[in-house]
Amino acid sequence: MSIYEDIAEFASALPRGKSLVGLDLGTKTIGVAVSDRLWSIATPRETIKRKKFGLDATALEVILAQADAGGILLGLPMNMDGTEGARCQSTRAFARNLAARIDLPIGYWDERLSTVAAERALIEADMSRAKRAETIDHVAAGYILQGALDRLGHLAS
């Protein structure tokens, strides 16, 4: 299984020249963001409405193929005090199930406050509440992925 707890180990397992896909895993949706091939910029892409794991994984496989992805970063919803709760366990279980189907390195990124930051950005953009509800998950995935890309950039320099 290629699941990495440490971002440096995750980085060393990644093929160069391929994009990374960031996921914001919710109970009802999966926010998806995709990086460029240089791992500089994360772009929010779409939100998948969750059904059951097999269907969700198939939808992700299509996105991974279209993006020519070399790795997956899952937002890890840590508690504010740094401990892991039920949502972290659920995310880790999703990663294990995904790793059994998809042969790509999977890493975790602490996603604390990513949804708050995404919501704030959408409010500042004067987006309506209904439109924010449609886009919040993949914008949050963009924040998660961008944070990890910034860290990867520091590791490389």
C-alpha atoms as a PDB file:
ATOM      1  CA  MET A   1       0.000   0.000   0.000  1.00  0.00           C
ATOM      2  CA  SER A   2       1.380   3.403  -0.889  1.00  0.00           C
ATOM      3  CA  ILE A   3      -0.071   5.636   1.832  1.00  0.00           C
ATOM      4  CA  TYR A   4       2.324   8.142   3.360  1.00  0.00           C
ATOM      5  CA  GLU A   5       1.923   9.922   6.690  1.00  0.00           C
ATOM      6  CA  ASP A   6       4.980  12.121   6.134  1.00  0.00           C
ATOM      7  CA  ILE A   7       4.879  14.721   3.347  1.00  0.00           C
ATOM      8  CA  ALA A   8       8.611  14.285   2.601  1.00  0.00           C
ATOM      9  CA  GLU A   9       8.191  10.520   2.124  1.00  0.00           C
ATOM     10  CA  PHE A  10       5.112  11.174  -0.015  1.00  0.00           C
ATOM     11  CA  ALA A  11       7.141  13.625  -2.130  1.00  0.00           C
ATOM     12  CA  SER A  12       9.911  11.080  -2.692  1.00  0.00           C
ATOM     13  CA  ALA A  13       7.368   8.550  -4.004  1.00  0.00           C
ATOM     14  CA  LEU A  14       5.892  10.949  -6.565  1.00  0.00           C
ATOM     15  CA  PRO A  15       6.731  10.776 -10.266  1.00  0.00           C
ATOM     16  CA  ARG A  16       7.843  14.124 -11.705  1.00  0.00           C
ATOM     17  CA  GLY A  17       5.890  15.816 -14.489  1.00  0.00           C
ATOM     18  CA  LYS A  18       2.456  14.645 -13.374  1.00  0.00           C
ATOM     19  CA  SER A  19      -0.257  16.564 -11.580  1.00  0.00           C
ATOM     20  CA  LEU A  20      -1.429  15.994  -8.027  1.00  0.00           C
ATOM     21  CA  VAL A  21      -5.068  15.654  -7.062  1.00  0.00           C
ATOM     22  CA  GLY A  22      -6.296  17.025  -3.730  1.00  0.00           C
ATOM     23  CA  LEU A  23      -9.432  15.716  -2.081  1.00  0.00           C
ATOM     24  CA  ASP A  24     -11.635  17.272   0.595  1.00  0.00           C
ATOM     25  CA  LEU A  25     -13.571  14.265   1.823  1.00  0.00           C
ATOM     26  CA  GLY A  26     -16.962  15.007   3.329  1.00  0.00           C
ATOM     27  CA  THR A  27     -19.781  12.719   4.344  1.00  0.00           C
ATOM     28  CA  LYS A  28     -21.938  13.773   1.371  1.00  0.00           C
ATOM     29  CA  THR A  29     -19.408  15.146  -1.107  1.00  0.00           C
ATOM     30  CA  ILE A  30     -15.800  14.931  -2.238  1.00  0.00           C
ATOM     31  CA  GLY A  31     -14.207  18.217  -3.258  1.00  0.00           C
ATOM     32  CA  VAL A  32     -11.570  17.788  -5.964  1.00  0.00           C
ATOM     33  CA  ALA A  33      -8.697  20.085  -6.931  1.00  0.00           C
ATOM     34  CA  VAL A  34      -5.898  19.449  -9.435  1.00  0.00           C
ATOM     35  CA  SER A  35      -2.392  20.898  -9.595  1.00  0.00           C
ATOM     36  CA  ASP A  36      -0.338  21.831 -12.602  1.00  0.00           C
ATOM     37  CA  ARG A  37       2.534  19.513 -13.569  1.00  0.00           C
ATOM     38  CA  LEU A  38       5.099  21.744 -11.834  1.00  0.00           C
ATOM     39  CA  TRP A  39       3.198  21.486  -8.520  1.00  0.00           C
ATOM     40  CA  SER A  40       2.872  25.261  -8.239  1.00  0.00           C
ATOM     41  CA  ILE A  41      -0.836  26.001  -8.467  1.00  0.00           C
ATOM     42  CA  ALA A  42      -3.886  24.137  -7.227  1.00  0.00           C
ATOM     43  CA  THR A  43      -7.090  24.651  -9.189  1.00  0.00           C
ATOM     44  CA  PRO A  44     -10.458  23.718  -7.692  1.00  0.00           C
ATOM     45  CA  ARG A  45     -12.077  21.346 -10.175  1.00  0.00           C
ATOM     46  CA  GLU A  46     -15.392  19.805  -9.114  1.00  0.00           C
ATOM     47  CA  THR A  47     -17.439  18.300  -6.338  1.00  0.00           C
ATOM     48  CA  ILE A  48     -18.483  14.659  -6.481  1.00  0.00           C
ATOM     49  CA  LYS A  49     -21.761  13.805  -4.764  1.00  0.00           C
ATOM     50  CA  ARG A  50     -20.975  10.689  -2.733  1.00  0.00           C
ATOM     51  CA  LYS A  51     -22.995   7.559  -3.357  1.00  0.00           C
ATOM     52  CA  LYS A  52     -21.155   4.413  -2.333  1.00  0.00           C
ATOM     53  CA  PHE A  53     -17.436   3.774  -2.320  1.00  0.00           C
ATOM     54  CA  GLY A  54     -17.269   1.859  -5.624  1.00  0.00           C
ATOM     55  CA  LEU A  55     -19.075   4.613  -7.530  1.00  0.00           C
ATOM     56  CA  ASP A  56     -17.068   7.340  -5.813  1.00  0.00           C
ATOM     57  CA  ALA A  57     -13.793   5.553  -6.641  1.00  0.00           C
ATOM     58  CA  THR A  58     -14.829   5.128 -10.282  1.00  0.00           C
ATOM     59  CA  ALA A  59     -15.577   8.856 -10.536  1.00  0.00           C
ATOM     60  CA  LEU A  60     -12.160   9.593  -9.013  1.00  0.00           C
ATOM     61  CA  GLU A  61     -10.426   7.176 -11.407  1.00  0.00           C
ATOM     62  CA  VAL A  62     -11.846   9.154 -14.345  1.00  0.00           C
ATOM     63  CA  ILE A  63     -10.587  12.448 -12.877  1.00  0.00           C
ATOM     64  CA  LEU A  64      -7.163  10.959 -12.080  1.00  0.00           C
ATOM     65  CA  ALA A  65      -6.798   9.709 -15.652  1.00  0.00           C
ATOM     66  CA  GLN A  66      -7.928  13.041 -17.174  1.00  0.00           C
ATOM     67  CA  ALA A  67      -5.517  14.952 -14.931  1.00  0.00           C
ATOM     68  CA  ASP A  68      -2.632  12.533 -15.624  1.00  0.00           C
ATOM     69  CA  ALA A  69      -2.202  12.392 -11.857  1.00  0.00           C
ATOM     70  CA  GLY A  70       0.905  11.101 -10.151  1.00  0.00           C
ATOM     71  CA  GLY A  71      -0.441  11.234  -6.587  1.00  0.00           C
ATOM     72  CA  ILE A  72      -3.391  11.977  -4.347  1.00  0.00           C
ATOM     73  CA  LEU A  73      -3.476  14.238  -1.293  1.00  0.00           C
ATOM     74  CA  LEU A  74      -6.322  13.714   1.137  1.00  0.00           C
ATOM     75  CA  GLY A  75      -7.234  16.442   3.574  1.00  0.00           C
ATOM     76  CA  LEU A  76      -6.999  15.009   7.089  1.00  0.00           C
ATOM     77  CA  PRO A  77      -9.656  16.643   9.308  1.00  0.00           C
ATOM     78  CA  MET A  78      -7.691  16.929  12.564  1.00  0.00           C
ATOM     79  CA  ASN A  79      -9.327  18.358  15.677  1.00  0.00           C
ATOM     80  CA  MET A  80      -8.199  21.869  16.572  1.00  0.00           C
ATOM     81  CA  ASP A  81      -6.102  20.452  19.441  1.00  0.00           C
ATOM     82  CA  GLY A  82      -4.181  18.234  16.980  1.00  0.00           C
ATOM     83  CA  THR A  83      -5.887  14.981  17.911  1.00  0.00           C
ATOM     84  CA  GLU A  84      -7.664  12.676  15.492  1.00  0.00           C
ATOM     85  CA  GLY A  85     -11.362  11.961  15.773  1.00  0.00           C
ATOM     86  CA  ALA A  86     -13.935   9.890  13.911  1.00  0.00           C
ATOM     87  CA  ARG A  87     -13.626  11.949  10.706  1.00  0.00           C
ATOM     88  CA  CYS A  88      -9.878  11.214  10.544  1.00  0.00           C
ATOM     89  CA  GLN A  89     -10.579   7.504  10.958  1.00  0.00           C
ATOM     90  CA  SER A  90     -13.123   7.689   8.145  1.00  0.00           C
ATOM     91  CA  THR A  91     -10.609   9.490   5.901  1.00  0.00           C
ATOM     92  CA  ARG A  92      -7.924   6.908   6.651  1.00  0.00           C
ATOM     93  CA  ALA A  93     -10.362   4.069   5.840  1.00  0.00           C
ATOM     94  CA  PHE A  94     -11.234   5.787   2.542  1.00  0.00           C
ATOM     95  CA  ALA A  95      -7.501   6.072   1.738  1.00  0.00           C
ATOM     96  CA  ARG A  96      -6.939   2.355   2.448  1.00  0.00           C
ATOM     97  CA  ASN A  97      -9.875   1.392   0.218  1.00  0.00           C
ATOM     98  CA  LEU A  98      -8.688   3.757  -2.522  1.00  0.00           C
ATOM     99  CA  ALA A  99      -5.111   2.410  -2.314  1.00  0.00           C
ATOM    100  CA  ALA A 100      -6.467  -1.091  -2.933  1.00  0.00           C
ATOM    101  CA  ARG A 101      -7.945   0.126  -6.251  1.00  0.00           C
ATOM    102  CA  ILE A 102      -5.593   2.853  -7.421  1.00  0.00           C
ATOM    103  CA  ASP A 103      -1.835   2.405  -7.697  1.00  0.00           C
ATOM    104  CA  LEU A 104      -0.759   5.963  -6.875  1.00  0.00           C
ATOM    105  CA  PRO A 105       0.982   7.400  -3.821  1.00  0.00           C
ATOM    106  CA  ILE A 106      -1.547   8.787  -1.329  1.00  0.00           C
ATOM    107  CA  GLY A 107      -0.597  11.395   1.240  1.00  0.00           C
ATOM    108  CA  TYR A 108      -2.375  13.335   3.952  1.00  0.00           C
ATOM    109  CA  TRP A 109      -2.440  17.058   4.588  1.00  0.00           C
ATOM    110  CA  ASP A 110      -3.777  18.693   7.747  1.00  0.00           C
ATOM    111  CA  GLU A 111      -6.893  20.448   6.560  1.00  0.00           C
ATOM    112  CA  ARG A 112      -7.758  22.403   9.697  1.00  0.00           C
ATOM    113  CA  LEU A 113      -9.460  25.658   8.750  1.00  0.00           C
ATOM    114  CA  SER A 114      -9.365  24.969   4.976  1.00  0.00           C
ATOM    115  CA  THR A 115     -13.161  25.146   4.732  1.00  0.00           C
ATOM    116  CA  VAL A 116     -13.182  28.315   6.838  1.00  0.00           C
ATOM    117  CA  ALA A 117     -10.592  29.910   4.520  1.00  0.00           C
ATOM    118  CA  ALA A 118     -12.518  28.793   1.429  1.00  0.00           C
ATOM    119  CA  GLU A 119     -15.789  30.159   2.808  1.00  0.00           C
ATOM    120  CA  ARG A 120     -14.139  33.484   3.642  1.00  0.00           C
ATOM    121  CA  ALA A 121     -12.697  33.764   0.113  1.00  0.00           C
ATOM    122  CA  LEU A 122     -16.088  33.016  -1.468  1.00  0.00           C
ATOM    123  CA  ILE A 123     -17.813  35.594   0.756  1.00  0.00           C
ATOM    124  CA  GLU A 124     -15.163  38.163  -0.185  1.00  0.00           C
ATOM    125  CA  ALA A 125     -15.890  37.332  -3.825  1.00  0.00           C
ATOM    126  CA  ASP A 126     -19.513  38.304  -3.041  1.00  0.00           C
ATOM    127  CA  MET A 127     -20.809  34.855  -3.957  1.00  0.00           C
ATOM    128  CA  SER A 128     -24.378  34.026  -2.990  1.00  0.00           C
ATOM    129  CA  ARG A 129     -25.034  31.495  -0.234  1.00  0.00           C
ATOM    130  CA  ALA A 130     -26.490  28.992  -2.748  1.00  0.00           C
ATOM    131  CA  LYS A 131     -23.492  29.309  -5.074  1.00  0.00           C
ATOM    132  CA  ARG A 132     -21.086  28.993  -2.104  1.00  0.00           C
ATOM    133  CA  ALA A 133     -22.804  25.741  -1.100  1.00  0.00           C
ATOM    134  CA  GLU A 134     -22.181  24.373  -4.616  1.00  0.00           C
ATOM    135  CA  THR A 135     -18.510  25.306  -4.718  1.00  0.00           C
ATOM    136  CA  ILE A 136     -17.236  25.197  -1.121  1.00  0.00           C
ATOM    137  CA  ASP A 137     -15.983  21.594  -1.243  1.00  0.00           C
ATOM    138  CA  HIS A 138     -13.779  21.877  -4.302  1.00  0.00           C
ATOM    139  CA  VAL A 139     -12.549  25.318  -3.250  1.00  0.00           C
ATOM    140  CA  ALA A 140     -11.599  23.793   0.129  1.00  0.00           C
ATOM    141  CA  ALA A 141      -9.824  20.985  -1.775  1.00  0.00           C
ATOM    142  CA  GLY A 142      -7.900  23.730  -3.594  1.00  0.00           C
ATOM    143  CA  TYR A 143      -6.791  25.219  -0.252  1.00  0.00           C
ATOM    144  CA  ILE A 144      -5.722  21.782   0.989  1.00  0.00           C
ATOM    145  CA  LEU A 145      -3.779  21.013  -2.178  1.00  0.00           C
ATOM    146  CA  GLN A 146      -2.172  24.479  -2.345  1.00  0.00           C
ATOM    147  CA  GLY A 147      -0.935  24.156   1.230  1.00  0.00           C
ATOM    148  CA  ALA A 148       0.681  20.833   0.390  1.00  0.00           C
ATOM    149  CA  LEU A 149       2.142  22.192  -2.883  1.00  0.00           C
ATOM    150  CA  ASP A 150       3.710  25.086  -0.992  1.00  0.00           C
ATOM    151  CA  ARG A 151       5.274  22.620   1.454  1.00  0.00           C
ATOM    152  CA  LEU A 152       6.510  20.409  -1.398  1.00  0.00           C
ATOM    153  CA  GLY A 153       8.107  23.480  -2.973  1.00  0.00           C
ATOM    154  CA  HIS A 154      10.010  24.190   0.260  1.00  0.00           C
ATOM    155  CA  LEU A 155      11.166  20.563   0.465  1.00  0.00           C
ATOM    156  CA  ALA A 156      12.576  20.767  -3.065  1.00  0.00           C
ATOM    157  CA  SER A 157      14.514  23.982  -2.470  1.00  0.00           C
END
